[in-house]
Amino acid sequence: MTGKDRITHAGPYRSRTAALATQHGKERVVARPLWAALGLIVTVPAEINTDLLGTFAGDVKRTGTPREVVIRKARLGMSASGINQRGQTLRFALVQLL
């Protein structure tokens, strides 16, 4: 991050790490704004296949409600990143909704 990317406010997410379970480059769009607005550090776990949870094209059908799939995806990313899931999954599932 450059000097202009630094945040100066304190908040509950400052310097916390969130896993973004993606294999399609979404981090290029969301990481910088989440850092600038919240101080949230976005990581992308390596070697996860989020398409196993379903695809937009329908090649792999999604099972469950959108909310259930987002929570599974968030947990997958957190597990692959080594982030403690206890009580944090719903907070970081928001990243998956973007």
N, C-alpha and C. Protein backbone atom coordinates (compact mmCIF):
# COMPACT_ATOMS: atom_id res chain seq x y z
N MET A 1 0.84 -1.18 0.00
CA MET A 1 0.00 0.00 0.00
C MET A 1 0.88 1.24 0.00
N THR A 2 0.43 2.25 -0.66
CA THR A 2 1.16 3.51 -0.69
C THR A 2 0.66 4.40 0.44
N GLY A 3 1.35 5.52 0.65
CA GLY A 3 0.96 6.46 1.69
C GLY A 3 -0.48 6.92 1.56
N LYS A 4 -0.93 7.14 0.34
CA LYS A 4 -2.30 7.61 0.16
C LYS A 4 -3.34 6.53 0.47
N ASP A 5 -2.91 5.26 0.57
CA ASP A 5 -3.83 4.16 0.88
C ASP A 5 -3.99 3.95 2.38
N ARG A 6 -3.16 4.61 3.17
CA ARG A 6 -3.24 4.41 4.62
C ARG A 6 -4.52 5.00 5.17
N ILE A 7 -5.06 4.32 6.16
CA ILE A 7 -6.24 4.85 6.82
C ILE A 7 -5.82 5.42 8.16
N THR A 8 -6.58 6.37 8.65
CA THR A 8 -6.21 7.01 9.89
C THR A 8 -7.22 6.75 10.99
N HIS A 9 -8.38 6.22 10.67
CA HIS A 9 -9.39 5.98 11.69
C HIS A 9 -9.23 4.60 12.30
N ALA A 10 -9.68 4.49 13.55
CA ALA A 10 -9.68 3.19 14.20
C ALA A 10 -11.07 2.58 14.02
N GLY A 11 -11.13 1.30 13.90
CA GLY A 11 -12.41 0.63 13.75
C GLY A 11 -12.25 -0.85 14.00
N PRO A 12 -13.34 -1.57 14.03
CA PRO A 12 -13.28 -3.00 14.37
C PRO A 12 -12.56 -3.86 13.34
N TYR A 13 -12.40 -3.38 12.12
CA TYR A 13 -11.76 -4.19 11.08
C TYR A 13 -10.34 -3.75 10.77
N ARG A 14 -9.86 -2.70 11.39
CA ARG A 14 -8.52 -2.18 11.11
C ARG A 14 -7.48 -3.28 11.35
N SER A 15 -6.74 -3.57 10.31
CA SER A 15 -5.66 -4.56 10.32
C SER A 15 -6.15 -5.99 10.55
N ARG A 16 -7.45 -6.24 10.40
CA ARG A 16 -7.97 -7.61 10.46
C ARG A 16 -7.82 -8.20 9.06
N THR A 17 -7.73 -9.51 8.99
CA THR A 17 -7.56 -10.19 7.72
C THR A 17 -8.85 -10.89 7.33
N ALA A 18 -9.25 -10.71 6.08
CA ALA A 18 -10.43 -11.38 5.53
C ALA A 18 -9.99 -12.22 4.34
N ALA A 19 -10.55 -13.39 4.23
CA ALA A 19 -10.26 -14.26 3.09
C ALA A 19 -11.31 -14.01 2.03
N LEU A 20 -10.86 -13.82 0.82
CA LEU A 20 -11.76 -13.69 -0.32
C LEU A 20 -11.60 -14.95 -1.16
N ALA A 21 -12.57 -15.84 -1.04
CA ALA A 21 -12.51 -17.11 -1.77
C ALA A 21 -12.93 -16.86 -3.21
N THR A 22 -11.96 -16.67 -4.05
CA THR A 22 -12.23 -16.41 -5.47
C THR A 22 -11.12 -17.01 -6.31
N GLN A 23 -11.45 -17.35 -7.49
CA GLN A 23 -10.42 -17.79 -8.44
C GLN A 23 -10.55 -16.99 -9.73
N HIS A 24 -11.29 -15.89 -9.64
CA HIS A 24 -11.55 -15.10 -10.84
C HIS A 24 -11.09 -13.65 -10.72
N GLY A 25 -10.16 -13.36 -9.80
CA GLY A 25 -9.55 -12.04 -9.71
C GLY A 25 -10.36 -10.95 -9.04
N LYS A 26 -11.38 -11.31 -8.27
CA LYS A 26 -12.21 -10.28 -7.61
C LYS A 26 -11.41 -9.41 -6.66
N GLU A 27 -10.30 -9.95 -6.15
CA GLU A 27 -9.49 -9.16 -5.23
C GLU A 27 -8.95 -7.89 -5.87
N ARG A 28 -8.78 -7.89 -7.17
CA ARG A 28 -8.28 -6.68 -7.86
C ARG A 28 -9.29 -5.55 -7.78
N VAL A 29 -10.55 -5.88 -7.56
CA VAL A 29 -11.60 -4.87 -7.48
C VAL A 29 -11.91 -4.48 -6.04
N VAL A 30 -11.89 -5.42 -5.11
CA VAL A 30 -12.38 -5.14 -3.76
C VAL A 30 -11.32 -4.88 -2.70
N ALA A 31 -10.10 -5.36 -2.90
CA ALA A 31 -9.09 -5.26 -1.83
C ALA A 31 -8.77 -3.81 -1.46
N ARG A 32 -8.46 -2.99 -2.43
CA ARG A 32 -8.08 -1.61 -2.13
C ARG A 32 -9.22 -0.80 -1.47
N PRO A 33 -10.46 -0.86 -1.99
CA PRO A 33 -11.54 -0.12 -1.31
C PRO A 33 -11.80 -0.62 0.12
N LEU A 34 -11.71 -1.92 0.35
CA LEU A 34 -11.93 -2.43 1.71
C LEU A 34 -10.80 -1.99 2.65
N TRP A 35 -9.59 -1.91 2.13
CA TRP A 35 -8.48 -1.40 2.94
C TRP A 35 -8.69 0.09 3.23
N ALA A 36 -9.01 0.85 2.21
CA ALA A 36 -9.16 2.30 2.38
C ALA A 36 -10.32 2.65 3.30
N ALA A 37 -11.42 1.94 3.19
CA ALA A 37 -12.61 2.27 3.97
C ALA A 37 -12.58 1.69 5.38
N LEU A 38 -12.04 0.48 5.52
CA LEU A 38 -12.16 -0.24 6.79
C LEU A 38 -10.83 -0.64 7.41
N GLY A 39 -9.76 -0.57 6.64
CA GLY A 39 -8.48 -1.07 7.14
C GLY A 39 -8.40 -2.59 7.09
N LEU A 40 -9.28 -3.20 6.30
CA LEU A 40 -9.38 -4.65 6.19
C LEU A 40 -8.36 -5.16 5.18
N ILE A 41 -7.58 -6.14 5.59
CA ILE A 41 -6.57 -6.74 4.73
C ILE A 41 -7.20 -7.95 4.05
N VAL A 42 -7.27 -7.93 2.74
CA VAL A 42 -7.91 -9.01 1.98
C VAL A 42 -6.85 -9.96 1.46
N THR A 43 -7.03 -11.25 1.76
CA THR A 43 -6.15 -12.27 1.23
C THR A 43 -6.96 -13.23 0.37
N VAL A 44 -6.29 -13.83 -0.59
CA VAL A 44 -6.92 -14.83 -1.46
C VAL A 44 -6.19 -16.14 -1.24
N PRO A 45 -6.86 -17.13 -0.68
CA PRO A 45 -6.20 -18.41 -0.46
C PRO A 45 -5.87 -19.09 -1.79
N ALA A 46 -4.73 -19.72 -1.81
CA ALA A 46 -4.29 -20.41 -3.02
C ALA A 46 -4.97 -21.77 -3.13
N GLU A 47 -5.13 -22.18 -4.34
CA GLU A 47 -5.56 -23.54 -4.65
C GLU A 47 -6.91 -23.95 -4.06
N ILE A 48 -7.90 -23.07 -4.18
CA ILE A 48 -9.25 -23.49 -3.86
C ILE A 48 -10.09 -23.37 -5.13
N ASN A 49 -11.03 -24.26 -5.26
CA ASN A 49 -11.89 -24.26 -6.44
C ASN A 49 -13.30 -23.85 -6.03
N THR A 50 -13.57 -22.56 -6.12
CA THR A 50 -14.88 -22.06 -5.72
C THR A 50 -15.98 -22.49 -6.68
N ASP A 51 -15.62 -22.89 -7.88
CA ASP A 51 -16.62 -23.35 -8.84
C ASP A 51 -17.30 -24.65 -8.38
N LEU A 52 -16.68 -25.36 -7.44
CA LEU A 52 -17.31 -26.56 -6.90
C LEU A 52 -18.59 -26.23 -6.14
N LEU A 53 -18.73 -24.97 -5.72
CA LEU A 53 -19.93 -24.54 -5.01
C LEU A 53 -21.04 -24.11 -5.96
N GLY A 54 -20.74 -24.10 -7.24
CA GLY A 54 -21.71 -23.70 -8.26
C GLY A 54 -21.14 -22.62 -9.15
N THR A 55 -21.64 -22.57 -10.36
CA THR A 55 -21.15 -21.57 -11.31
C THR A 55 -22.31 -20.72 -11.82
N PHE A 56 -21.98 -19.50 -12.23
CA PHE A 56 -23.00 -18.62 -12.79
C PHE A 56 -23.58 -19.20 -14.07
N ALA A 57 -22.74 -19.87 -14.85
CA ALA A 57 -23.19 -20.44 -16.12
C ALA A 57 -24.07 -21.66 -15.91
N GLY A 58 -24.07 -22.21 -14.70
CA GLY A 58 -24.92 -23.36 -14.42
C GLY A 58 -24.28 -24.69 -14.72
N ASP A 59 -23.00 -24.69 -15.12
CA ASP A 59 -22.30 -25.96 -15.36
C ASP A 59 -22.30 -26.82 -14.10
N VAL A 60 -22.12 -26.15 -12.96
CA VAL A 60 -22.21 -26.81 -11.67
C VAL A 60 -23.35 -26.12 -10.92
N LYS A 61 -24.38 -26.88 -10.58
CA LYS A 61 -25.54 -26.31 -9.93
C LYS A 61 -25.21 -25.92 -8.48
N ARG A 62 -25.71 -24.78 -8.07
CA ARG A 62 -25.55 -24.35 -6.69
C ARG A 62 -26.64 -25.00 -5.85
N THR A 63 -26.23 -25.54 -4.71
CA THR A 63 -27.21 -26.12 -3.80
C THR A 63 -27.34 -25.22 -2.58
N GLY A 64 -28.55 -24.98 -2.17
CA GLY A 64 -28.81 -24.12 -1.04
C GLY A 64 -29.20 -22.73 -1.48
N THR A 65 -29.54 -21.91 -0.51
CA THR A 65 -29.90 -20.52 -0.78
C THR A 65 -28.64 -19.72 -1.07
N PRO A 66 -28.77 -18.55 -1.69
CA PRO A 66 -27.58 -17.72 -1.90
C PRO A 66 -26.83 -17.45 -0.60
N ARG A 67 -27.57 -17.22 0.48
CA ARG A 67 -26.93 -16.96 1.78
C ARG A 67 -26.12 -18.18 2.24
N GLU A 68 -26.69 -19.37 2.09
CA GLU A 68 -25.99 -20.59 2.50
C GLU A 68 -24.72 -20.81 1.68
N VAL A 69 -24.79 -20.55 0.39
CA VAL A 69 -23.63 -20.73 -0.47
C VAL A 69 -22.55 -19.71 -0.13
N VAL A 70 -22.94 -18.47 0.14
CA VAL A 70 -21.97 -17.44 0.51
C VAL A 70 -21.26 -17.81 1.82
N ILE A 71 -22.01 -18.34 2.76
CA ILE A 71 -21.40 -18.73 4.03
C ILE A 71 -20.44 -19.91 3.82
N ARG A 72 -20.83 -20.88 3.00
CA ARG A 72 -19.91 -22.00 2.70
C ARG A 72 -18.65 -21.49 2.03
N LYS A 73 -18.82 -20.56 1.11
CA LYS A 73 -17.67 -20.02 0.39
C LYS A 73 -16.75 -19.24 1.34
N ALA A 74 -17.34 -18.46 2.23
CA ALA A 74 -16.55 -17.72 3.20
C ALA A 74 -15.78 -18.68 4.11
N ARG A 75 -16.45 -19.73 4.57
CA ARG A 75 -15.79 -20.71 5.44
C ARG A 75 -14.67 -21.43 4.71
N LEU A 76 -14.90 -21.75 3.44
CA LEU A 76 -13.87 -22.39 2.63
C LEU A 76 -12.63 -21.50 2.55
N GLY A 77 -12.85 -20.23 2.26
CA GLY A 77 -11.73 -19.29 2.17
C GLY A 77 -11.02 -19.11 3.49
N MET A 78 -11.79 -19.00 4.57
CA MET A 78 -11.19 -18.82 5.89
C MET A 78 -10.38 -20.05 6.29
N SER A 79 -10.92 -21.22 6.03
CA SER A 79 -10.21 -22.45 6.36
C SER A 79 -8.91 -22.56 5.57
N ALA A 80 -8.98 -22.29 4.28
CA ALA A 80 -7.79 -22.37 3.43
C ALA A 80 -6.75 -21.32 3.81
N SER A 81 -7.19 -20.21 4.41
CA SER A 81 -6.27 -19.15 4.82
C SER A 81 -5.79 -19.30 6.25
N GLY A 82 -6.39 -20.24 6.99
CA GLY A 82 -6.03 -20.41 8.38
C GLY A 82 -6.63 -19.36 9.31
N ILE A 83 -7.70 -18.71 8.86
CA ILE A 83 -8.36 -17.70 9.68
C ILE A 83 -9.33 -18.40 10.62
N ASN A 84 -9.33 -18.00 11.87
CA ASN A 84 -10.23 -18.56 12.87
C ASN A 84 -11.67 -18.29 12.45
N GLN A 85 -12.47 -19.33 12.31
CA GLN A 85 -13.85 -19.18 11.85
C GLN A 85 -14.83 -18.92 12.97
N ARG A 86 -14.45 -19.13 14.16
CA ARG A 86 -15.39 -19.03 15.28
C ARG A 86 -15.93 -17.62 15.42
N GLY A 87 -17.20 -17.44 15.11
CA GLY A 87 -17.86 -16.16 15.27
C GLY A 87 -17.53 -15.13 14.21
N GLN A 88 -16.73 -15.47 13.22
CA GLN A 88 -16.32 -14.49 12.24
C GLN A 88 -16.91 -14.71 10.86
N THR A 89 -17.45 -15.88 10.60
CA THR A 89 -17.86 -16.22 9.24
C THR A 89 -18.86 -15.23 8.67
N LEU A 90 -19.88 -14.87 9.40
CA LEU A 90 -20.89 -13.98 8.84
C LEU A 90 -20.34 -12.60 8.57
N ARG A 91 -19.45 -12.11 9.41
CA ARG A 91 -18.85 -10.80 9.16
C ARG A 91 -18.11 -10.80 7.83
N PHE A 92 -17.33 -11.84 7.58
CA PHE A 92 -16.52 -11.85 6.40
C PHE A 92 -17.25 -12.39 5.17
N ALA A 93 -18.43 -12.96 5.36
CA ALA A 93 -19.22 -13.39 4.22
C ALA A 93 -19.62 -12.21 3.37
N LEU A 94 -19.69 -11.03 3.97
CA LEU A 94 -20.01 -9.83 3.21
C LEU A 94 -19.05 -9.65 2.05
N VAL A 95 -17.79 -9.97 2.25
CA VAL A 95 -16.81 -9.84 1.18
C VAL A 95 -17.23 -10.67 -0.02
N GLN A 96 -17.85 -11.83 0.21
CA GLN A 96 -18.27 -12.68 -0.88
C GLN A 96 -19.46 -12.12 -1.65
N LEU A 97 -20.23 -11.26 -1.03
CA LEU A 97 -21.40 -10.70 -1.68
C LEU A 97 -21.06 -9.60 -2.67
N LEU A 98 -19.87 -9.05 -2.57
CA LEU A 98 -19.50 -7.92 -3.43
C LEU A 98 -19.36 -8.28 -4.87
